[in-house]
Amino acid sequence: MYCSISPTQTSKKRKLSPKYPKHFNDLTVEHFSTSNRAKIHLAFAKQKYMAARKKLKKVQHQNRTLAEKLKCINISKQNKRILKMLVQNNCQLTQVIHFVLTA
């Protein structure tokens, strides 16, 4: 079997031009020189802002969730240490159950 691949199909890259900015910081005063251009680029700026805001909210939610999980893990580790100490001190089972229920 003989297979040949022709390099005729290549991906087209978008040229970076000052007319169409890729990032929010690439916007200049010239992008807002006419009302039509201002409308287009303002919509672009709003879209970039909303995307960044959405990412921030997602990361904050992940951070909050992880912090809650860490807090639960720390509490359970502390309870295990205390229970181990109570058992080592030969406390009665009723005292251990009372401690667990009140904690």
PDB file of N, CA and C in Angstrom:
ATOM      1  N   MET A   1       0.831  -1.182   0.000  1.00  0.00           N
ATOM      2  CA  MET A   1       0.000   0.000   0.000  1.00  0.00           C
ATOM      3  C   MET A   1       0.874   1.243   0.000  1.00  0.00           C
ATOM      4  N   TYR A   2       0.539   2.160  -0.848  1.00  0.00           N
ATOM      5  CA  TYR A   2       1.300   3.391  -0.945  1.00  0.00           C
ATOM      6  C   TYR A   2       0.354   4.549  -0.678  1.00  0.00           C
ATOM      7  N   CYS A   3       0.730   5.416   0.234  1.00  0.00           N
ATOM      8  CA  CYS A   3      -0.128   6.538   0.627  1.00  0.00           C
ATOM      9  C   CYS A   3       0.630   7.845   0.429  1.00  0.00           C
ATOM     10  N   SER A   4       0.012   8.768  -0.223  1.00  0.00           N
ATOM     11  CA  SER A   4       0.659  10.065  -0.408  1.00  0.00           C
ATOM     12  C   SER A   4      -0.207  11.162   0.199  1.00  0.00           C
ATOM     13  N   ILE A   5       0.434  12.066   0.837  1.00  0.00           N
ATOM     14  CA  ILE A   5      -0.262  13.188   1.466  1.00  0.00           C
ATOM     15  C   ILE A   5       0.203  14.456   0.779  1.00  0.00           C
ATOM     16  N   SER A   6      -0.740  15.214   0.304  1.00  0.00           N
ATOM     17  CA  SER A   6      -0.375  16.454  -0.380  1.00  0.00           C
ATOM     18  C   SER A   6      -0.474  17.629   0.583  1.00  0.00           C
ATOM     19  N   PRO A   7       0.507  18.495   0.582  1.00  0.00           N
ATOM     20  CA  PRO A   7       0.495  19.639   1.499  1.00  0.00           C
ATOM     21  C   PRO A   7      -0.292  20.825   0.970  1.00  0.00           C
ATOM     22  N   THR A   8      -1.266  20.591   0.098  1.00  0.00           N
ATOM     23  CA  THR A   8      -2.006  21.707  -0.481  1.00  0.00           C
ATOM     24  C   THR A   8      -2.962  22.346   0.512  1.00  0.00           C
ATOM     25  N   GLN A   9      -3.511  21.550   1.431  1.00  0.00           N
ATOM     26  CA  GLN A   9      -4.454  22.095   2.397  1.00  0.00           C
ATOM     27  C   GLN A   9      -3.716  22.454   3.678  1.00  0.00           C
ATOM     28  N   THR A  10      -3.580  23.707   3.924  1.00  0.00           N
ATOM     29  CA  THR A  10      -2.964  24.194   5.153  1.00  0.00           C
ATOM     30  C   THR A  10      -3.971  25.052   5.882  1.00  0.00           C
ATOM     31  N   SER A  11      -3.778  25.155   7.179  1.00  0.00           N
ATOM     32  CA  SER A  11      -4.709  25.970   7.959  1.00  0.00           C
ATOM     33  C   SER A  11      -4.431  27.445   7.699  1.00  0.00           C
ATOM     34  N   LYS A  12      -5.496  28.186   7.594  1.00  0.00           N
ATOM     35  CA  LYS A  12      -5.363  29.621   7.359  1.00  0.00           C
ATOM     36  C   LYS A  12      -5.296  30.338   8.706  1.00  0.00           C
ATOM     37  N   LYS A  13      -4.278  31.129   8.875  1.00  0.00           N
ATOM     38  CA  LYS A  13      -4.137  31.906  10.092  1.00  0.00           C
ATOM     39  C   LYS A  13      -4.684  33.305   9.850  1.00  0.00           C
ATOM     40  N   ARG A  14      -5.353  33.805  10.841  1.00  0.00           N
ATOM     41  CA  ARG A  14      -5.903  35.153  10.752  1.00  0.00           C
ATOM     42  C   ARG A  14      -4.777  36.154  10.942  1.00  0.00           C
ATOM     43  N   LYS A  15      -4.694  37.064  10.041  1.00  0.00           N
ATOM     44  CA  LYS A  15      -3.650  38.079  10.141  1.00  0.00           C
ATOM     45  C   LYS A  15      -3.984  39.038  11.272  1.00  0.00           C
ATOM     46  N   LEU A  16      -2.968  39.399  12.009  1.00  0.00           N
ATOM     47  CA  LEU A  16      -3.157  40.382  13.066  1.00  0.00           C
ATOM     48  C   LEU A  16      -3.127  41.768  12.438  1.00  0.00           C
ATOM     49  N   SER A  17      -4.224  42.439  12.530  1.00  0.00           N
ATOM     50  CA  SER A  17      -4.280  43.774  11.959  1.00  0.00           C
ATOM     51  C   SER A  17      -4.837  44.733  13.000  1.00  0.00           C
ATOM     52  N   PRO A  18      -4.455  45.974  12.910  1.00  0.00           N
ATOM     53  CA  PRO A  18      -4.977  46.947  13.872  1.00  0.00           C
ATOM     54  C   PRO A  18      -6.470  47.204  13.684  1.00  0.00           C
ATOM     55  N   LYS A  19      -7.013  46.796  12.530  1.00  0.00           N
ATOM     56  CA  LYS A  19      -8.436  47.020  12.287  1.00  0.00           C
ATOM     57  C   LYS A  19      -9.298  46.096  13.139  1.00  0.00           C
ATOM     58  N   TYR A  20      -8.826  44.862  13.349  1.00  0.00           N
ATOM     59  CA  TYR A  20      -9.568  43.878  14.132  1.00  0.00           C
ATOM     60  C   TYR A  20      -8.723  43.426  15.316  1.00  0.00           C
ATOM     61  N   PRO A  21      -8.877  44.058  16.471  1.00  0.00           N
ATOM     62  CA  PRO A  21      -8.058  43.688  17.623  1.00  0.00           C
ATOM     63  C   PRO A  21      -8.457  42.314  18.174  1.00  0.00           C
ATOM     64  N   LYS A  22      -7.474  41.614  18.690  1.00  0.00           N
ATOM     65  CA  LYS A  22      -7.720  40.299  19.265  1.00  0.00           C
ATOM     66  C   LYS A  22      -7.969  40.394  20.771  1.00  0.00           C
ATOM     67  N   HIS A  23      -7.318  41.346  21.406  1.00  0.00           N
ATOM     68  CA  HIS A  23      -7.417  41.499  22.853  1.00  0.00           C
ATOM     69  C   HIS A  23      -7.979  42.871  23.202  1.00  0.00           C
ATOM     70  N   PHE A  24      -8.498  42.957  24.399  1.00  0.00           N
ATOM     71  CA  PHE A  24      -9.097  44.203  24.876  1.00  0.00           C
ATOM     72  C   PHE A  24      -8.071  45.332  24.902  1.00  0.00           C
ATOM     73  N   ASN A  25      -6.843  45.035  25.288  1.00  0.00           N
ATOM     74  CA  ASN A  25      -5.810  46.067  25.387  1.00  0.00           C
ATOM     75  C   ASN A  25      -5.347  46.576  24.031  1.00  0.00           C
ATOM     76  N   ASP A  26      -5.719  45.889  22.943  1.00  0.00           N
ATOM     77  CA  ASP A  26      -5.328  46.325  21.611  1.00  0.00           C
ATOM     78  C   ASP A  26      -6.214  47.451  21.073  1.00  0.00           C
ATOM     79  N   LEU A  27      -7.288  47.764  21.754  1.00  0.00           N
ATOM     80  CA  LEU A  27      -8.190  48.829  21.307  1.00  0.00           C
ATOM     81  C   LEU A  27      -7.524  50.191  21.470  1.00  0.00           C
ATOM     82  N   THR A  28      -7.723  51.041  20.486  1.00  0.00           N
ATOM     83  CA  THR A  28      -7.180  52.402  20.534  1.00  0.00           C
ATOM     84  C   THR A  28      -8.311  53.392  20.283  1.00  0.00           C
ATOM     85  N   VAL A  29      -7.984  54.656  20.305  1.00  0.00           N
ATOM     86  CA  VAL A  29      -8.971  55.710  20.061  1.00  0.00           C
ATOM     87  C   VAL A  29      -9.506  55.608  18.638  1.00  0.00           C
ATOM     88  N   GLU A  30      -8.674  55.183  17.709  1.00  0.00           N
ATOM     89  CA  GLU A  30      -9.096  55.072  16.313  1.00  0.00           C
ATOM     90  C   GLU A  30     -10.226  54.051  16.119  1.00  0.00           C
ATOM     91  N   HIS A  31     -10.307  53.066  16.991  1.00  0.00           N
ATOM     92  CA  HIS A  31     -11.376  52.079  16.894  1.00  0.00           C
ATOM     93  C   HIS A  31     -12.745  52.678  17.222  1.00  0.00           C
ATOM     94  N   PHE A  32     -12.752  53.839  17.849  1.00  0.00           N
ATOM     95  CA  PHE A  32     -14.004  54.493  18.227  1.00  0.00           C
ATOM     96  C   PHE A  32     -14.202  55.804  17.476  1.00  0.00           C
ATOM     97  N   SER A  33     -13.563  55.940  16.323  1.00  0.00           N
ATOM     98  CA  SER A  33     -13.613  57.201  15.578  1.00  0.00           C
ATOM     99  C   SER A  33     -14.977  57.462  14.938  1.00  0.00           C
ATOM    100  N   THR A  34     -15.669  56.434  14.473  1.00  0.00           N
ATOM    101  CA  THR A  34     -17.005  56.610  13.893  1.00  0.00           C
ATOM    102  C   THR A  34     -18.014  55.872  14.752  1.00  0.00           C
ATOM    103  N   SER A  35     -19.271  56.224  14.564  1.00  0.00           N
ATOM    104  CA  SER A  35     -20.296  55.603  15.402  1.00  0.00           C
ATOM    105  C   SER A  35     -20.439  54.107  15.125  1.00  0.00           C
ATOM    106  N   ASN A  36     -20.325  53.695  13.864  1.00  0.00           N
ATOM    107  CA  ASN A  36     -20.454  52.282  13.530  1.00  0.00           C
ATOM    108  C   ASN A  36     -19.290  51.474  14.112  1.00  0.00           C
ATOM    109  N   ARG A  37     -18.075  52.009  13.957  1.00  0.00           N
ATOM    110  CA  ARG A  37     -16.903  51.321  14.498  1.00  0.00           C
ATOM    111  C   ARG A  37     -16.960  51.286  16.025  1.00  0.00           C
ATOM    112  N   ALA A  38     -17.441  52.364  16.619  1.00  0.00           N
ATOM    113  CA  ALA A  38     -17.560  52.414  18.076  1.00  0.00           C
ATOM    114  C   ALA A  38     -18.550  51.356  18.564  1.00  0.00           C
ATOM    115  N   LYS A  39     -19.642  51.193  17.856  1.00  0.00           N
ATOM    116  CA  LYS A  39     -20.653  50.205  18.219  1.00  0.00           C
ATOM    117  C   LYS A  39     -20.060  48.794  18.158  1.00  0.00           C
ATOM    118  N   ILE A  40     -19.331  48.492  17.099  1.00  0.00           N
ATOM    119  CA  ILE A  40     -18.734  47.167  16.919  1.00  0.00           C
ATOM    120  C   ILE A  40     -17.708  46.887  18.020  1.00  0.00           C
ATOM    121  N   HIS A  41     -16.817  47.841  18.257  1.00  0.00           N
ATOM    122  CA  HIS A  41     -15.743  47.615  19.212  1.00  0.00           C
ATOM    123  C   HIS A  41     -16.215  47.699  20.654  1.00  0.00           C
ATOM    124  N   LEU A  42     -17.284  48.448  20.908  1.00  0.00           N
ATOM    125  CA  LEU A  42     -17.854  48.460  22.247  1.00  0.00           C
ATOM    126  C   LEU A  42     -18.482  47.101  22.558  1.00  0.00           C
ATOM    127  N   ALA A  43     -19.144  46.513  21.586  1.00  0.00           N
ATOM    128  CA  ALA A  43     -19.705  45.172  21.775  1.00  0.00           C
ATOM    129  C   ALA A  43     -18.578  44.166  22.026  1.00  0.00           C
ATOM    130  N   PHE A  44     -17.459  44.314  21.311  1.00  0.00           N
ATOM    131  CA  PHE A  44     -16.296  43.454  21.513  1.00  0.00           C
ATOM    132  C   PHE A  44     -15.761  43.608  22.940  1.00  0.00           C
ATOM    133  N   ALA A  45     -15.658  44.850  23.411  1.00  0.00           N
ATOM    134  CA  ALA A  45     -15.144  45.109  24.756  1.00  0.00           C
ATOM    135  C   ALA A  45     -16.076  44.526  25.817  1.00  0.00           C
ATOM    136  N   LYS A  46     -17.387  44.680  25.621  1.00  0.00           N
ATOM    137  CA  LYS A  46     -18.353  44.123  26.565  1.00  0.00           C
ATOM    138  C   LYS A  46     -18.266  42.599  26.609  1.00  0.00           C
ATOM    139  N   GLN A  47     -18.096  41.983  25.438  1.00  0.00           N
ATOM    140  CA  GLN A  47     -18.001  40.521  25.369  1.00  0.00           C
ATOM    141  C   GLN A  47     -16.758  40.028  26.105  1.00  0.00           C
ATOM    142  N   LYS A  48     -15.637  40.705  25.923  1.00  0.00           N
ATOM    143  CA  LYS A  48     -14.398  40.329  26.611  1.00  0.00           C
ATOM    144  C   LYS A  48     -14.537  40.515  28.119  1.00  0.00           C
ATOM    145  N   TYR A  49     -15.174  41.609  28.525  1.00  0.00           N
ATOM    146  CA  TYR A  49     -15.379  41.881  29.944  1.00  0.00           C
ATOM    147  C   TYR A  49     -16.265  40.808  30.581  1.00  0.00           C
ATOM    148  N   MET A  50     -17.357  40.455  29.906  1.00  0.00           N
ATOM    149  CA  MET A  50     -18.261  39.442  30.453  1.00  0.00           C
ATOM    150  C   MET A  50     -17.584  38.072  30.531  1.00  0.00           C
ATOM    151  N   ALA A  51     -16.751  37.742  29.550  1.00  0.00           N
ATOM    152  CA  ALA A  51     -16.036  36.467  29.578  1.00  0.00           C
ATOM    153  C   ALA A  51     -15.061  36.424  30.753  1.00  0.00           C
ATOM    154  N   ALA A  52     -14.355  37.522  30.988  1.00  0.00           N
ATOM    155  CA  ALA A  52     -13.417  37.582  32.112  1.00  0.00           C
ATOM    156  C   ALA A  52     -14.158  37.504  33.437  1.00  0.00           C
ATOM    157  N   ARG A  53     -15.305  38.169  33.509  1.00  0.00           N
ATOM    158  CA  ARG A  53     -16.110  38.140  34.734  1.00  0.00           C
ATOM    159  C   ARG A  53     -16.630  36.736  35.020  1.00  0.00           C
ATOM    160  N   LYS A  54     -17.050  36.038  33.973  1.00  0.00           N
ATOM    161  CA  LYS A  54     -17.547  34.675  34.121  1.00  0.00           C
ATOM    162  C   LYS A  54     -16.434  33.738  34.622  1.00  0.00           C
ATOM    163  N   LYS A  55     -15.230  33.898  34.068  1.00  0.00           N
ATOM    164  CA  LYS A  55     -14.097  33.093  34.514  1.00  0.00           C
ATOM    165  C   LYS A  55     -13.782  33.366  35.979  1.00  0.00           C
ATOM    166  N   LEU A  56     -13.820  34.640  36.371  1.00  0.00           N
ATOM    167  CA  LEU A  56     -13.537  35.013  37.749  1.00  0.00           C
ATOM    168  C   LEU A  56     -14.551  34.395  38.702  1.00  0.00           C
ATOM    169  N   LYS A  57     -15.831  34.457  38.353  1.00  0.00           N
ATOM    170  CA  LYS A  57     -16.860  33.872  39.206  1.00  0.00           C
ATOM    171  C   LYS A  57     -16.671  32.364  39.346  1.00  0.00           C
ATOM    172  N   LYS A  58     -16.281  31.713  38.260  1.00  0.00           N
ATOM    173  CA  LYS A  58     -16.060  30.267  38.293  1.00  0.00           C
ATOM    174  C   LYS A  58     -14.896  29.914  39.212  1.00  0.00           C
ATOM    175  N   VAL A  59     -13.816  30.673  39.118  1.00  0.00           N
ATOM    176  CA  VAL A  59     -12.647  30.409  39.960  1.00  0.00           C
ATOM    177  C   VAL A  59     -12.962  30.704  41.422  1.00  0.00           C
ATOM    178  N   GLN A  60     -13.711  31.762  41.685  1.00  0.00           N
ATOM    179  CA  GLN A  60     -14.096  32.074  43.063  1.00  0.00           C
ATOM    180  C   GLN A  60     -14.971  30.971  43.649  1.00  0.00           C
ATOM    181  N   HIS A  61     -15.885  30.424  42.846  1.00  0.00           N
ATOM    182  CA  HIS A  61     -16.739  29.337  43.320  1.00  0.00           C
ATOM    183  C   HIS A  61     -15.908  28.095  43.618  1.00  0.00           C
ATOM    184  N   GLN A  62     -14.959  27.765  42.739  1.00  0.00           N
ATOM    185  CA  GLN A  62     -14.078  26.622  42.978  1.00  0.00           C
ATOM    186  C   GLN A  62     -13.256  26.823  44.249  1.00  0.00           C
ATOM    187  N   ASN A  63     -12.774  28.035  44.444  1.00  0.00           N
ATOM    188  CA  ASN A  63     -11.989  28.356  45.628  1.00  0.00           C
ATOM    189  C   ASN A  63     -12.826  28.179  46.892  1.00  0.00           C
ATOM    190  N   ARG A  64     -14.056  28.683  46.869  1.00  0.00           N
ATOM    191  CA  ARG A  64     -14.945  28.570  48.022  1.00  0.00           C
ATOM    192  C   ARG A  64     -15.263  27.111  48.327  1.00  0.00           C
ATOM    193  N   THR A  65     -15.521  26.316  47.289  1.00  0.00           N
ATOM    194  CA  THR A  65     -15.827  24.898  47.468  1.00  0.00           C
ATOM    195  C   THR A  65     -14.641  24.153  48.069  1.00  0.00           C
ATOM    196  N   LEU A  66     -13.454  24.416  47.548  1.00  0.00           N
ATOM    197  CA  LEU A  66     -12.258  23.758  48.075  1.00  0.00           C
ATOM    198  C   LEU A  66     -11.976  24.167  49.515  1.00  0.00           C
ATOM    199  N   ALA A  67     -12.228  25.434  49.842  1.00  0.00           N
ATOM    200  CA  ALA A  67     -12.024  25.895  51.216  1.00  0.00           C
ATOM    201  C   ALA A  67     -12.980  25.187  52.174  1.00  0.00           C
ATOM    202  N   GLU A  68     -14.227  24.982  51.757  1.00  0.00           N
ATOM    203  CA  GLU A  68     -15.191  24.264  52.595  1.00  0.00           C
ATOM    204  C   GLU A  68     -14.777  22.811  52.781  1.00  0.00           C
ATOM    205  N   LYS A  69     -14.298  22.168  51.714  1.00  0.00           N
ATOM    206  CA  LYS A  69     -13.839  20.783  51.823  1.00  0.00           C
ATOM    207  C   LYS A  69     -12.654  20.686  52.773  1.00  0.00           C
ATOM    208  N   LEU A  70     -11.724  21.628  52.662  1.00  0.00           N
ATOM    209  CA  LEU A  70     -10.550  21.630  53.528  1.00  0.00           C
ATOM    210  C   LEU A  70     -10.956  21.816  54.982  1.00  0.00           C
ATOM    211  N   LYS A  71     -11.928  22.674  55.229  1.00  0.00           N
ATOM    212  CA  LYS A  71     -12.403  22.910  56.588  1.00  0.00           C
ATOM    213  C   LYS A  71     -12.997  21.628  57.168  1.00  0.00           C
ATOM    214  N   CYS A  72     -13.790  20.916  56.369  1.00  0.00           N
ATOM    215  CA  CYS A  72     -14.389  19.655  56.827  1.00  0.00           C
ATOM    216  C   CYS A  72     -13.315  18.611  57.116  1.00  0.00           C
ATOM    217  N   ILE A  73     -12.305  18.559  56.269  1.00  0.00           N
ATOM    218  CA  ILE A  73     -11.220  17.593  56.469  1.00  0.00           C
ATOM    219  C   ILE A  73     -10.466  17.906  57.757  1.00  0.00           C
ATOM    220  N   ASN A  74     -10.185  19.182  57.993  1.00  0.00           N
ATOM    221  CA  ASN A  74      -9.475  19.568  59.214  1.00  0.00           C
ATOM    222  C   ASN A  74     -10.285  19.240  60.457  1.00  0.00           C
ATOM    223  N   ILE A  75     -11.600  19.465  60.405  1.00  0.00           N
ATOM    224  CA  ILE A  75     -12.462  19.160  61.550  1.00  0.00           C
ATOM    225  C   ILE A  75     -12.482  17.656  61.803  1.00  0.00           C
ATOM    226  N   SER A  76     -12.583  16.864  60.752  1.00  0.00           N
ATOM    227  CA  SER A  76     -12.634  15.415  60.945  1.00  0.00           C
ATOM    228  C   SER A  76     -11.301  14.887  61.477  1.00  0.00           C
ATOM    229  N   LYS A  77     -10.179  15.459  61.031  1.00  0.00           N
ATOM    230  CA  LYS A  77      -8.875  15.047  61.558  1.00  0.00           C
ATOM    231  C   LYS A  77      -8.758  15.385  63.035  1.00  0.00           C
ATOM    232  N   GLN A  78      -9.252  16.567  63.405  1.00  0.00           N
ATOM    233  CA  GLN A  78      -9.194  16.974  64.806  1.00  0.00           C
ATOM    234  C   GLN A  78     -10.054  16.046  65.664  1.00  0.00           C
ATOM    235  N   ASN A  79     -11.243  15.694  65.188  1.00  0.00           N
ATOM    236  CA  ASN A  79     -12.119  14.792  65.938  1.00  0.00           C
ATOM    237  C   ASN A  79     -11.482  13.416  66.083  1.00  0.00           C
ATOM    238  N   LYS A  80     -10.814  12.942  65.034  1.00  0.00           N
ATOM    239  CA  LYS A  80     -10.155  11.643  65.120  1.00  0.00           C
ATOM    240  C   LYS A  80      -9.050  11.666  66.173  1.00  0.00           C
ATOM    241  N   ARG A  81      -8.280  12.754  66.212  1.00  0.00           N
ATOM    242  CA  ARG A  81      -7.213  12.864  67.211  1.00  0.00           C
ATOM    243  C   ARG A  81      -7.785  12.847  68.624  1.00  0.00           C
ATOM    244  N   ILE A  82      -8.862  13.584  68.828  1.00  0.00           N
ATOM    245  CA  ILE A  82      -9.466  13.655  70.160  1.00  0.00           C
ATOM    246  C   ILE A  82     -10.045  12.295  70.550  1.00  0.00           C
ATOM    247  N   LEU A  83     -10.714  11.620  69.624  1.00  0.00           N
ATOM    248  CA  LEU A  83     -11.263  10.294  69.925  1.00  0.00           C
ATOM    249  C   LEU A  83     -10.155   9.308  70.252  1.00  0.00           C
ATOM    250  N   LYS A  84      -9.062   9.381  69.506  1.00  0.00           N
ATOM    251  CA  LYS A  84      -7.935   8.491  69.763  1.00  0.00           C
ATOM    252  C   LYS A  84      -7.377   8.740  71.166  1.00  0.00           C
ATOM    253  N   MET A  85      -7.284  10.015  71.546  1.00  0.00           N
ATOM    254  CA  MET A  85      -6.773  10.363  72.861  1.00  0.00           C
ATOM    255  C   MET A  85      -7.716   9.858  73.957  1.00  0.00           C
ATOM    256  N   LEU A  86      -9.028   9.987  73.720  1.00  0.00           N
ATOM    257  CA  LEU A  86      -9.995   9.505  74.715  1.00  0.00           C
ATOM    258  C   LEU A  86      -9.915   7.989  74.882  1.00  0.00           C
ATOM    259  N   VAL A  87      -9.773   7.282  73.775  1.00  0.00           N
ATOM    260  CA  VAL A  87      -9.693   5.821  73.840  1.00  0.00           C
ATOM    261  C   VAL A  87      -8.396   5.401  74.521  1.00  0.00           C
ATOM    262  N   GLN A  88      -7.301   6.093  74.246  1.00  0.00           N
ATOM    263  CA  GLN A  88      -6.031   5.760  74.879  1.00  0.00           C
ATOM    264  C   GLN A  88      -6.068   6.005  76.382  1.00  0.00           C
ATOM    265  N   ASN A  89      -6.868   6.950  76.805  1.00  0.00           N
ATOM    266  CA  ASN A  89      -6.985   7.254  78.235  1.00  0.00           C
ATOM    267  C   ASN A  89      -8.008   6.358  78.922  1.00  0.00           C
ATOM    268  N   ASN A  90      -8.464   5.327  78.216  1.00  0.00           N
ATOM    269  CA  ASN A  90      -9.403   4.347  78.778  1.00  0.00           C
ATOM    270  C   ASN A  90     -10.691   4.978  79.281  1.00  0.00           C
ATOM    271  N   CYS A  91     -11.207   5.915  78.538  1.00  0.00           N
ATOM    272  CA  CYS A  91     -12.500   6.503  78.880  1.00  0.00           C
ATOM    273  C   CYS A  91     -13.587   5.478  78.606  1.00  0.00           C
ATOM    274  N   GLN A  92     -14.667   5.609  79.324  1.00  0.00           N
ATOM    275  CA  GLN A  92     -15.782   4.703  79.102  1.00  0.00           C
ATOM    276  C   GLN A  92     -16.450   5.036  77.770  1.00  0.00           C
ATOM    277  N   LEU A  93     -17.087   4.032  77.197  1.00  0.00           N
ATOM    278  CA  LEU A  93     -17.728   4.190  75.901  1.00  0.00           C
ATOM    279  C   LEU A  93     -18.818   5.257  75.950  1.00  0.00           C
ATOM    280  N   THR A  94     -19.526   5.374  77.055  1.00  0.00           N
ATOM    281  CA  THR A  94     -20.589   6.375  77.156  1.00  0.00           C
ATOM    282  C   THR A  94     -20.011   7.788  77.114  1.00  0.00           C
ATOM    283  N   GLN A  95     -18.819   7.989  77.696  1.00  0.00           N
ATOM    284  CA  GLN A  95     -18.175   9.300  77.663  1.00  0.00           C
ATOM    285  C   GLN A  95     -17.762   9.655  76.245  1.00  0.00           C
ATOM    286  N   VAL A  96     -17.266   8.649  75.500  1.00  0.00           N
ATOM    287  CA  VAL A  96     -16.853   8.885  74.113  1.00  0.00           C
ATOM    288  C   VAL A  96     -18.068   9.228  73.253  1.00  0.00           C
ATOM    289  N   ILE A  97     -19.166   8.497  73.435  1.00  0.00           N
ATOM    290  CA  ILE A  97     -20.393   8.762  72.653  1.00  0.00           C
ATOM    291  C   ILE A  97     -20.934  10.146  73.004  1.00  0.00           C
ATOM    292  N   HIS A  98     -20.912  10.493  74.287  1.00  0.00           N
ATOM    293  CA  HIS A  98     -21.381  11.816  74.691  1.00  0.00           C
ATOM    294  C   HIS A  98     -20.518  12.917  74.062  1.00  0.00           C
ATOM    295  N   PHE A  99     -19.202  12.709  74.020  1.00  0.00           N
ATOM    296  CA  PHE A  99     -18.308  13.691  73.404  1.00  0.00           C
ATOM    297  C   PHE A  99     -18.608  13.847  71.927  1.00  0.00           C
ATOM    298  N   VAL A 100     -18.835  12.721  71.225  1.00  0.00           N
ATOM    299  CA  VAL A 100     -19.112  12.766  69.780  1.00  0.00           C
ATOM    300  C   VAL A 100     -20.423  13.481  69.504  1.00  0.00           C
ATOM    301  N   LEU A 101     -21.430  13.230  70.319  1.00  0.00           N
ATOM    302  CA  LEU A 101     -22.732  13.854  70.092  1.00  0.00           C
ATOM    303  C   LEU A 101     -22.726  15.337  70.410  1.00  0.00           C
ATOM    304  N   THR A 102     -21.921  15.764  71.358  1.00  0.00           N
ATOM    305  CA  THR A 102     -21.894  17.182  71.710  1.00  0.00           C
ATOM    306  C   THR A 102     -20.957  17.977  70.817  1.00  0.00           C
ATOM    307  N   ALA A 103     -20.009  17.331  70.148  1.00  0.00           N
ATOM    308  CA  ALA A 103     -19.049  18.051  69.315  1.00  0.00           C
ATOM    309  C   ALA A 103     -19.651  18.466  67.992  1.00  0.00           C
TER     310      ALA A 103
END
